[in-house]
Amino acid sequence: AGELAARPDLDARAAADGVGVVSVIVVPWAAVTVDGRAAGETPTELRLPPGRHLLGAEHPTLGAAAAEVTVDAGRRLVWRPALRR
């Protein structure tokens, strides 16, 4: 599913809004989904409510990847999916 890393820094703005931040990074790019809904293209920063979410990334020729993440309010995650056909 690729690399998923929690960054130790607290995002004060996200904490104040009661959300967490997930950065999705794919080179050259990929279409991103969150819980089955389109969420744009990489690179992107997603502001998500706390809890479990299913992330997807897909490129038309490089393939796709998925990961389940647990989002905490005010915390930042970075997902670098390994796309596979």
PDB file of N, CA and C in Angstrom:
ATOM      1  N   ALA A   1       0.819  -1.199   0.000  1.00  0.00           N
ATOM      2  CA  ALA A   1       0.000   0.000   0.000  1.00  0.00           C
ATOM      3  C   ALA A   1       0.852   1.248   0.000  1.00  0.00           C
ATOM      4  N   GLY A   2       2.167   1.090   0.191  1.00  0.00           N
ATOM      5  CA  GLY A   2       3.040   2.249   0.181  1.00  0.00           C
ATOM      6  C   GLY A   2       3.423   2.663   1.568  1.00  0.00           C
ATOM      7  N   GLU A   3       3.999   3.834   1.663  1.00  0.00           N
ATOM      8  CA  GLU A   3       4.496   4.343   2.935  1.00  0.00           C
ATOM      9  C   GLU A   3       3.451   5.241   3.584  1.00  0.00           C
ATOM     10  N   LEU A   4       3.178   4.985   4.859  1.00  0.00           N
ATOM     11  CA  LEU A   4       2.255   5.805   5.635  1.00  0.00           C
ATOM     12  C   LEU A   4       2.998   6.227   6.884  1.00  0.00           C
ATOM     13  N   ALA A   5       3.183   7.529   7.060  1.00  0.00           N
ATOM     14  CA  ALA A   5       3.964   8.015   8.188  1.00  0.00           C
ATOM     15  C   ALA A   5       3.192   9.065   8.965  1.00  0.00           C
ATOM     16  N   ALA A   6       3.176   8.901  10.274  1.00  0.00           N
ATOM     17  CA  ALA A   6       2.592   9.927  11.143  1.00  0.00           C
ATOM     18  C   ALA A   6       3.687  10.925  11.455  1.00  0.00           C
ATOM     19  N   ARG A   7       3.396  12.168  11.288  1.00  0.00           N
ATOM     20  CA  ARG A   7       4.365  13.198  11.640  1.00  0.00           C
ATOM     21  C   ARG A   7       4.056  13.664  13.050  1.00  0.00           C
ATOM     22  N   PRO A   8       5.083  13.869  13.847  1.00  0.00           N
ATOM     23  CA  PRO A   8       4.856  14.200  15.254  1.00  0.00           C
ATOM     24  C   PRO A   8       4.325  15.608  15.493  1.00  0.00           C
ATOM     25  N   ASP A   9       4.403  16.457  14.483  1.00  0.00           N
ATOM     26  CA  ASP A   9       3.972  17.834  14.688  1.00  0.00           C
ATOM     27  C   ASP A   9       2.455  17.938  14.780  1.00  0.00           C
ATOM     28  N   LEU A  10       2.016  18.816  15.623  1.00  0.00           N
ATOM     29  CA  LEU A  10       0.599  19.094  15.788  1.00  0.00           C
ATOM     30  C   LEU A  10       0.238  20.254  14.874  1.00  0.00           C
ATOM     31  N   ASP A  11      -0.827  20.114  14.138  1.00  0.00           N
ATOM     32  CA  ASP A  11      -1.311  21.172  13.264  1.00  0.00           C
ATOM     33  C   ASP A  11      -2.359  21.955  14.050  1.00  0.00           C
ATOM     34  N   ALA A  12      -1.979  23.123  14.566  1.00  0.00           N
ATOM     35  CA  ALA A  12      -2.851  23.899  15.452  1.00  0.00           C
ATOM     36  C   ALA A  12      -4.155  24.296  14.771  1.00  0.00           C
ATOM     37  N   ARG A  13      -4.090  24.659  13.510  1.00  0.00           N
ATOM     38  CA  ARG A  13      -5.297  25.073  12.787  1.00  0.00           C
ATOM     39  C   ARG A  13      -6.261  23.894  12.636  1.00  0.00           C
ATOM     40  N   ALA A  14      -5.709  22.723  12.282  1.00  0.00           N
ATOM     41  CA  ALA A  14      -6.552  21.537  12.151  1.00  0.00           C
ATOM     42  C   ALA A  14      -7.149  21.158  13.502  1.00  0.00           C
ATOM     43  N   ALA A  15      -6.354  21.265  14.563  1.00  0.00           N
ATOM     44  CA  ALA A  15      -6.853  20.939  15.900  1.00  0.00           C
ATOM     45  C   ALA A  15      -8.009  21.852  16.274  1.00  0.00           C
ATOM     46  N   ALA A  16      -7.876  23.138  15.967  1.00  0.00           N
ATOM     47  CA  ALA A  16      -8.937  24.095  16.271  1.00  0.00           C
ATOM     48  C   ALA A  16     -10.211  23.782  15.487  1.00  0.00           C
ATOM     49  N   ASP A  17     -10.037  23.251  14.277  1.00  0.00           N
ATOM     50  CA  ASP A  17     -11.184  22.895  13.431  1.00  0.00           C
ATOM     51  C   ASP A  17     -11.711  21.492  13.728  1.00  0.00           C
ATOM     52  N   GLY A  18     -11.021  20.753  14.589  1.00  0.00           N
ATOM     53  CA  GLY A  18     -11.451  19.401  14.931  1.00  0.00           C
ATOM     54  C   GLY A  18     -11.223  18.376  13.841  1.00  0.00           C
ATOM     55  N   VAL A  19     -10.231  18.609  12.967  1.00  0.00           N
ATOM     56  CA  VAL A  19      -9.924  17.687  11.872  1.00  0.00           C
ATOM     57  C   VAL A  19      -8.457  17.290  11.922  1.00  0.00           C
ATOM     58  N   GLY A  20      -8.110  16.271  11.145  1.00  0.00           N
ATOM     59  CA  GLY A  20      -6.724  15.885  10.939  1.00  0.00           C
ATOM     60  C   GLY A  20      -6.357  16.147   9.495  1.00  0.00           C
ATOM     61  N   VAL A  21      -5.064  16.114   9.187  1.00  0.00           N
ATOM     62  CA  VAL A  21      -4.583  16.391   7.843  1.00  0.00           C
ATOM     63  C   VAL A  21      -3.848  15.164   7.312  1.00  0.00           C
ATOM     64  N   VAL A  22      -4.196  14.752   6.099  1.00  0.00           N
ATOM     65  CA  VAL A  22      -3.498  13.660   5.430  1.00  0.00           C
ATOM     66  C   VAL A  22      -2.932  14.211   4.125  1.00  0.00           C
ATOM     67  N   SER A  23      -1.606  14.198   4.004  1.00  0.00           N
ATOM     68  CA  SER A  23      -0.947  14.584   2.755  1.00  0.00           C
ATOM     69  C   SER A  23      -0.779  13.340   1.907  1.00  0.00           C
ATOM     70  N   VAL A  24      -1.173  13.418   0.629  1.00  0.00           N
ATOM     71  CA  VAL A  24      -1.026  12.294  -0.291  1.00  0.00           C
ATOM     72  C   VAL A  24      -0.073  12.730  -1.390  1.00  0.00           C
ATOM     73  N   ILE A  25       1.019  11.961  -1.546  1.00  0.00           N
ATOM     74  CA  ILE A  25       2.065  12.334  -2.493  1.00  0.00           C
ATOM     75  C   ILE A  25       2.333  11.156  -3.426  1.00  0.00           C
ATOM     76  N   VAL A  26       2.151  11.377  -4.735  1.00  0.00           N
ATOM     77  CA  VAL A  26       2.432  10.370  -5.754  1.00  0.00           C
ATOM     78  C   VAL A  26       3.138  11.064  -6.907  1.00  0.00           C
ATOM     79  N   VAL A  27       4.201  10.457  -7.411  1.00  0.00           N
ATOM     80  CA  VAL A  27       4.899  10.987  -8.578  1.00  0.00           C
ATOM     81  C   VAL A  27       4.695  10.004  -9.722  1.00  0.00           C
ATOM     82  N   PRO A  28       4.192  10.415 -10.910  1.00  0.00           N
ATOM     83  CA  PRO A  28       3.956  11.794 -11.282  1.00  0.00           C
ATOM     84  C   PRO A  28       2.664  12.381 -10.709  1.00  0.00           C
ATOM     85  N   TRP A  29       1.588  11.593 -10.624  1.00  0.00           N
ATOM     86  CA  TRP A  29       0.329  12.059 -10.034  1.00  0.00           C
ATOM     87  C   TRP A  29      -0.626  10.872  -9.921  1.00  0.00           C
ATOM     88  N   ALA A  30      -1.703  11.070  -9.181  1.00  0.00           N
ATOM     89  CA  ALA A  30      -2.764  10.063  -9.093  1.00  0.00           C
ATOM     90  C   ALA A  30      -4.051  10.746  -8.677  1.00  0.00           C
ATOM     91  N   ALA A  31      -5.169  10.170  -9.082  1.00  0.00           N
ATOM     92  CA  ALA A  31      -6.481  10.619  -8.613  1.00  0.00           C
ATOM     93  C   ALA A  31      -6.691  10.011  -7.231  1.00  0.00           C
ATOM     94  N   VAL A  32      -7.212  10.809  -6.304  1.00  0.00           N
ATOM     95  CA  VAL A  32      -7.358  10.386  -4.909  1.00  0.00           C
ATOM     96  C   VAL A  32      -8.833  10.248  -4.560  1.00  0.00           C
ATOM     97  N   THR A  33      -9.139   9.193  -3.783  1.00  0.00           N
ATOM     98  CA  THR A  33     -10.482   9.041  -3.228  1.00  0.00           C
ATOM     99  C   THR A  33     -10.380   8.894  -1.714  1.00  0.00           C
ATOM    100  N   VAL A  34     -11.430   9.346  -1.041  1.00  0.00           N
ATOM    101  CA  VAL A  34     -11.560   9.170   0.404  1.00  0.00           C
ATOM    102  C   VAL A  34     -12.928   8.536   0.646  1.00  0.00           C
ATOM    103  N   ASP A  35     -12.923   7.370   1.242  1.00  0.00           N
ATOM    104  CA  ASP A  35     -14.171   6.654   1.527  1.00  0.00           C
ATOM    105  C   ASP A  35     -15.035   6.510   0.272  1.00  0.00           C
ATOM    106  N   GLY A  36     -14.362   6.248  -0.874  1.00  0.00           N
ATOM    107  CA  GLY A  36     -15.059   6.016  -2.130  1.00  0.00           C
ATOM    108  C   GLY A  36     -15.464   7.253  -2.904  1.00  0.00           C
ATOM    109  N   ARG A  37     -15.158   8.437  -2.382  1.00  0.00           N
ATOM    110  CA  ARG A  37     -15.528   9.687  -3.080  1.00  0.00           C
ATOM    111  C   ARG A  37     -14.294  10.387  -3.618  1.00  0.00           C
ATOM    112  N   ALA A  38     -14.421  10.964  -4.808  1.00  0.00           N
ATOM    113  CA  ALA A  38     -13.306  11.687  -5.425  1.00  0.00           C
ATOM    114  C   ALA A  38     -12.846  12.822  -4.520  1.00  0.00           C
ATOM    115  N   ALA A  39     -11.507  12.964  -4.416  1.00  0.00           N
ATOM    116  CA  ALA A  39     -10.942  14.000  -3.544  1.00  0.00           C
ATOM    117  C   ALA A  39      -9.827  14.774  -4.231  1.00  0.00           C
ATOM    118  N   GLY A  40      -9.787  14.758  -5.581  1.00  0.00           N
ATOM    119  CA  GLY A  40      -8.805  15.546  -6.311  1.00  0.00           C
ATOM    120  C   GLY A  40      -7.621  14.714  -6.767  1.00  0.00           C
ATOM    121  N   GLU A  41      -6.534  15.417  -7.097  1.00  0.00           N
ATOM    122  CA  GLU A  41      -5.318  14.779  -7.590  1.00  0.00           C
ATOM    123  C   GLU A  41      -4.140  15.149  -6.709  1.00  0.00           C
ATOM    124  N   THR A  42      -3.129  14.290  -6.735  1.00  0.00           N
ATOM    125  CA  THR A  42      -1.924  14.554  -5.952  1.00  0.00           C
ATOM    126  C   THR A  42      -1.050  15.579  -6.661  1.00  0.00           C
ATOM    127  N   PRO A  43      -0.230  16.279  -5.889  1.00  0.00           N
ATOM    128  CA  PRO A  43      -0.155  16.237  -4.426  1.00  0.00           C
ATOM    129  C   PRO A  43      -1.347  16.973  -3.811  1.00  0.00           C
ATOM    130  N   THR A  44      -1.809  16.469  -2.672  1.00  0.00           N
ATOM    131  CA  THR A  44      -2.952  17.098  -2.016  1.00  0.00           C
ATOM    132  C   THR A  44      -2.853  16.951  -0.507  1.00  0.00           C
ATOM    133  N   GLU A  45      -3.491  17.859   0.193  1.00  0.00           N
ATOM    134  CA  GLU A  45      -3.640  17.776   1.641  1.00  0.00           C
ATOM    135  C   GLU A  45      -5.131  17.685   1.932  1.00  0.00           C
ATOM    136  N   LEU A  46      -5.519  16.606   2.569  1.00  0.00           N
ATOM    137  CA  LEU A  46      -6.924  16.358   2.882  1.00  0.00           C
ATOM    138  C   LEU A  46      -7.187  16.693   4.339  1.00  0.00           C
ATOM    139  N   ARG A  47      -8.220  17.457   4.601  1.00  0.00           N
ATOM    140  CA  ARG A  47      -8.642  17.760   5.976  1.00  0.00           C
ATOM    141  C   ARG A  47      -9.842  16.871   6.264  1.00  0.00           C
ATOM    142  N   LEU A  48      -9.635  15.894   7.154  1.00  0.00           N
ATOM    143  CA  LEU A  48     -10.638  14.860   7.383  1.00  0.00           C
ATOM    144  C   LEU A  48     -11.072  14.821   8.844  1.00  0.00           C
ATOM    145  N   PRO A  49     -12.330  14.445   9.085  1.00  0.00           N
ATOM    146  CA  PRO A  49     -12.787  14.295  10.473  1.00  0.00           C
ATOM    147  C   PRO A  49     -12.074  13.107  11.128  1.00  0.00           C
ATOM    148  N   PRO A  50     -11.946  13.138  12.440  1.00  0.00           N
ATOM    149  CA  PRO A  50     -11.294  12.030  13.137  1.00  0.00           C
ATOM    150  C   PRO A  50     -12.012  10.709  12.874  1.00  0.00           C
ATOM    151  N   GLY A  51     -11.229   9.630  12.886  1.00  0.00           N
ATOM    152  CA  GLY A  51     -11.776   8.295  12.686  1.00  0.00           C
ATOM    153  C   GLY A  51     -11.062   7.570  11.562  1.00  0.00           C
ATOM    154  N   ARG A  52     -11.612   6.406  11.193  1.00  0.00           N
ATOM    155  CA  ARG A  52     -11.016   5.593  10.138  1.00  0.00           C
ATOM    156  C   ARG A  52     -11.535   6.024   8.765  1.00  0.00           C
ATOM    157  N   HIS A  53     -10.606   6.047   7.815  1.00  0.00           N
ATOM    158  CA  HIS A  53     -10.957   6.411   6.439  1.00  0.00           C
ATOM    159  C   HIS A  53     -10.213   5.496   5.483  1.00  0.00           C
ATOM    160  N   LEU A  54     -10.840   5.193   4.347  1.00  0.00           N
ATOM    161  CA  LEU A  54     -10.202   4.409   3.300  1.00  0.00           C
ATOM    162  C   LEU A  54      -9.731   5.365   2.210  1.00  0.00           C
ATOM    163  N   LEU A  55      -8.415   5.397   2.001  1.00  0.00           N
ATOM    164  CA  LEU A  55      -7.821   6.246   0.966  1.00  0.00           C
ATOM    165  C   LEU A  55      -7.532   5.403  -0.262  1.00  0.00           C
ATOM    166  N   GLY A  56      -7.704   6.004  -1.423  1.00  0.00           N
ATOM    167  CA  GLY A  56      -7.357   5.348  -2.679  1.00  0.00           C
ATOM    168  C   GLY A  56      -6.564   6.303  -3.549  1.00  0.00           C
ATOM    169  N   ALA A  57      -5.667   5.755  -4.350  1.00  0.00           N
ATOM    170  CA  ALA A  57      -4.902   6.547  -5.319  1.00  0.00           C
ATOM    171  C   ALA A  57      -4.816   5.720  -6.590  1.00  0.00           C
ATOM    172  N   GLU A  58      -5.083   6.350  -7.735  1.00  0.00           N
ATOM    173  CA  GLU A  58      -5.066   5.612  -9.002  1.00  0.00           C
ATOM    174  C   GLU A  58      -4.512   6.467 -10.127  1.00  0.00           C
ATOM    175  N   HIS A  59      -3.617   5.853 -10.907  1.00  0.00           N
ATOM    176  CA  HIS A  59      -3.055   6.471 -12.107  1.00  0.00           C
ATOM    177  C   HIS A  59      -3.440   5.558 -13.273  1.00  0.00           C
ATOM    178  N   PRO A  60      -3.818   6.130 -14.437  1.00  0.00           N
ATOM    179  CA  PRO A  60      -4.341   5.303 -15.530  1.00  0.00           C
ATOM    180  C   PRO A  60      -3.361   4.258 -16.065  1.00  0.00           C
ATOM    181  N   THR A  61      -2.065   4.477 -15.972  1.00  0.00           N
ATOM    182  CA  THR A  61      -1.115   3.487 -16.480  1.00  0.00           C
ATOM    183  C   THR A  61      -0.238   2.871 -15.388  1.00  0.00           C
ATOM    184  N   LEU A  62      -0.046   3.543 -14.280  1.00  0.00           N
ATOM    185  CA  LEU A  62       0.833   3.029 -13.225  1.00  0.00           C
ATOM    186  C   LEU A  62       0.125   2.125 -12.230  1.00  0.00           C
ATOM    187  N   GLY A  63      -1.204   2.195 -12.167  1.00  0.00           N
ATOM    188  CA  GLY A  63      -1.952   1.328 -11.278  1.00  0.00           C
ATOM    189  C   GLY A  63      -2.588   2.070 -10.118  1.00  0.00           C
ATOM    190  N   ALA A  64      -2.889   1.303  -9.055  1.00  0.00           N
ATOM    191  CA  ALA A  64      -3.642   1.867  -7.932  1.00  0.00           C
ATOM    192  C   ALA A  64      -3.098   1.342  -6.609  1.00  0.00           C
ATOM    193  N   ALA A  65      -3.518   1.994  -5.536  1.00  0.00           N
ATOM    194  CA  ALA A  65      -3.173   1.571  -4.179  1.00  0.00           C
ATOM    195  C   ALA A  65      -4.286   2.041  -3.261  1.00  0.00           C
ATOM    196  N   ALA A  66      -4.404   1.365  -2.112  1.00  0.00           N
ATOM    197  CA  ALA A  66      -5.394   1.755  -1.112  1.00  0.00           C
ATOM    198  C   ALA A  66      -4.791   1.568   0.268  1.00  0.00           C
ATOM    199  N   ALA A  67      -5.280   2.347   1.221  1.00  0.00           N
ATOM    200  CA  ALA A  67      -4.826   2.228   2.605  1.00  0.00           C
ATOM    201  C   ALA A  67      -5.933   2.690   3.530  1.00  0.00           C
ATOM    202  N   GLU A  68      -6.064   1.998   4.656  1.00  0.00           N
ATOM    203  CA  GLU A  68      -6.981   2.445   5.694  1.00  0.00           C
ATOM    204  C   GLU A  68      -6.152   3.224   6.711  1.00  0.00           C
ATOM    205  N   VAL A  69      -6.634   4.430   7.048  1.00  0.00           N
ATOM    206  CA  VAL A  69      -5.907   5.281   7.990  1.00  0.00           C
ATOM    207  C   VAL A  69      -6.824   5.668   9.135  1.00  0.00           C
ATOM    208  N   THR A  70      -6.220   5.925  10.278  1.00  0.00           N
ATOM    209  CA  THR A  70      -6.952   6.465  11.415  1.00  0.00           C
ATOM    210  C   THR A  70      -6.490   7.898  11.605  1.00  0.00           C
ATOM    211  N   VAL A  71      -7.420   8.813  11.476  1.00  0.00           N
ATOM    212  CA  VAL A  71      -7.135  10.244  11.565  1.00  0.00           C
ATOM    213  C   VAL A  71      -7.447  10.731  12.977  1.00  0.00           C
ATOM    214  N   ASP A  72      -6.517  11.488  13.546  1.00  0.00           N
ATOM    215  CA  ASP A  72      -6.708  12.127  14.850  1.00  0.00           C
ATOM    216  C   ASP A  72      -6.754  13.630  14.655  1.00  0.00           C
ATOM    217  N   ALA A  73      -7.654  14.304  15.360  1.00  0.00           N
ATOM    218  CA  ALA A  73      -7.771  15.767  15.238  1.00  0.00           C
ATOM    219  C   ALA A  73      -6.433  16.417  15.576  1.00  0.00           C
ATOM    220  N   GLY A  74      -6.024  17.343  14.724  1.00  0.00           N
ATOM    221  CA  GLY A  74      -4.805  18.098  14.947  1.00  0.00           C
ATOM    222  C   GLY A  74      -3.532  17.401  14.542  1.00  0.00           C
ATOM    223  N   ARG A  75      -3.618  16.157  14.087  1.00  0.00           N
ATOM    224  CA  ARG A  75      -2.421  15.418  13.684  1.00  0.00           C
ATOM    225  C   ARG A  75      -2.307  15.343  12.173  1.00  0.00           C
ATOM    226  N   ARG A  76      -1.084  15.127  11.707  1.00  0.00           N
ATOM    227  CA  ARG A  76      -0.790  15.081  10.276  1.00  0.00           C
ATOM    228  C   ARG A  76      -0.223  13.714   9.917  1.00  0.00           C
ATOM    229  N   LEU A  77      -0.745  13.132   8.834  1.00  0.00           N
ATOM    230  CA  LEU A  77      -0.219  11.894   8.263  1.00  0.00           C
ATOM    231  C   LEU A  77       0.267  12.188   6.854  1.00  0.00           C
ATOM    232  N   VAL A  78       1.258  11.424   6.409  1.00  0.00           N
ATOM    233  CA  VAL A  78       1.732  11.514   5.035  1.00  0.00           C
ATOM    234  C   VAL A  78       1.640  10.125   4.422  1.00  0.00           C
ATOM    235  N   TRP A  79       0.932  10.011   3.279  1.00  0.00           N
ATOM    236  CA  TRP A  79       0.811   8.752   2.574  1.00  0.00           C
ATOM    237  C   TRP A  79       1.469   8.874   1.219  1.00  0.00           C
ATOM    238  N   ARG A  80       2.436   7.976   0.969  1.00  0.00           N
ATOM    239  CA  ARG A  80       3.112   7.890  -0.320  1.00  0.00           C
ATOM    240  C   ARG A  80       2.818   6.500  -0.894  1.00  0.00           C
ATOM    241  N   PRO A  81       1.686   6.349  -1.572  1.00  0.00           N
ATOM    242  CA  PRO A  81       1.290   5.020  -2.039  1.00  0.00           C
ATOM    243  C   PRO A  81       2.217   4.476  -3.128  1.00  0.00           C
ATOM    244  N   ALA A  82       2.416   3.174  -3.101  1.00  0.00           N
ATOM    245  CA  ALA A  82       3.141   2.459  -4.156  1.00  0.00           C
ATOM    246  C   ALA A  82       2.092   1.934  -5.126  1.00  0.00           C
ATOM    247  N   LEU A  83       1.983   2.557  -6.281  1.00  0.00           N
ATOM    248  CA  LEU A  83       0.962   2.176  -7.249  1.00  0.00           C
ATOM    249  C   LEU A  83       1.333   0.867  -7.918  1.00  0.00           C
ATOM    250  N   ARG A  84       0.330  -0.012  -8.060  1.00  0.00           N
ATOM    251  CA  ARG A  84       0.554  -1.316  -8.697  1.00  0.00           C
ATOM    252  C   ARG A  84      -0.616  -1.656  -9.600  1.00  0.00           C
ATOM    253  N   ARG A  85      -0.304  -2.305 -10.687  1.00  0.00           N
ATOM    254  CA  ARG A  85      -1.328  -2.788 -11.606  1.00  0.00           C
ATOM    255  C   ARG A  85      -1.857  -4.103 -11.146  1.00  0.00           C
TER     256      ARG A  85
END
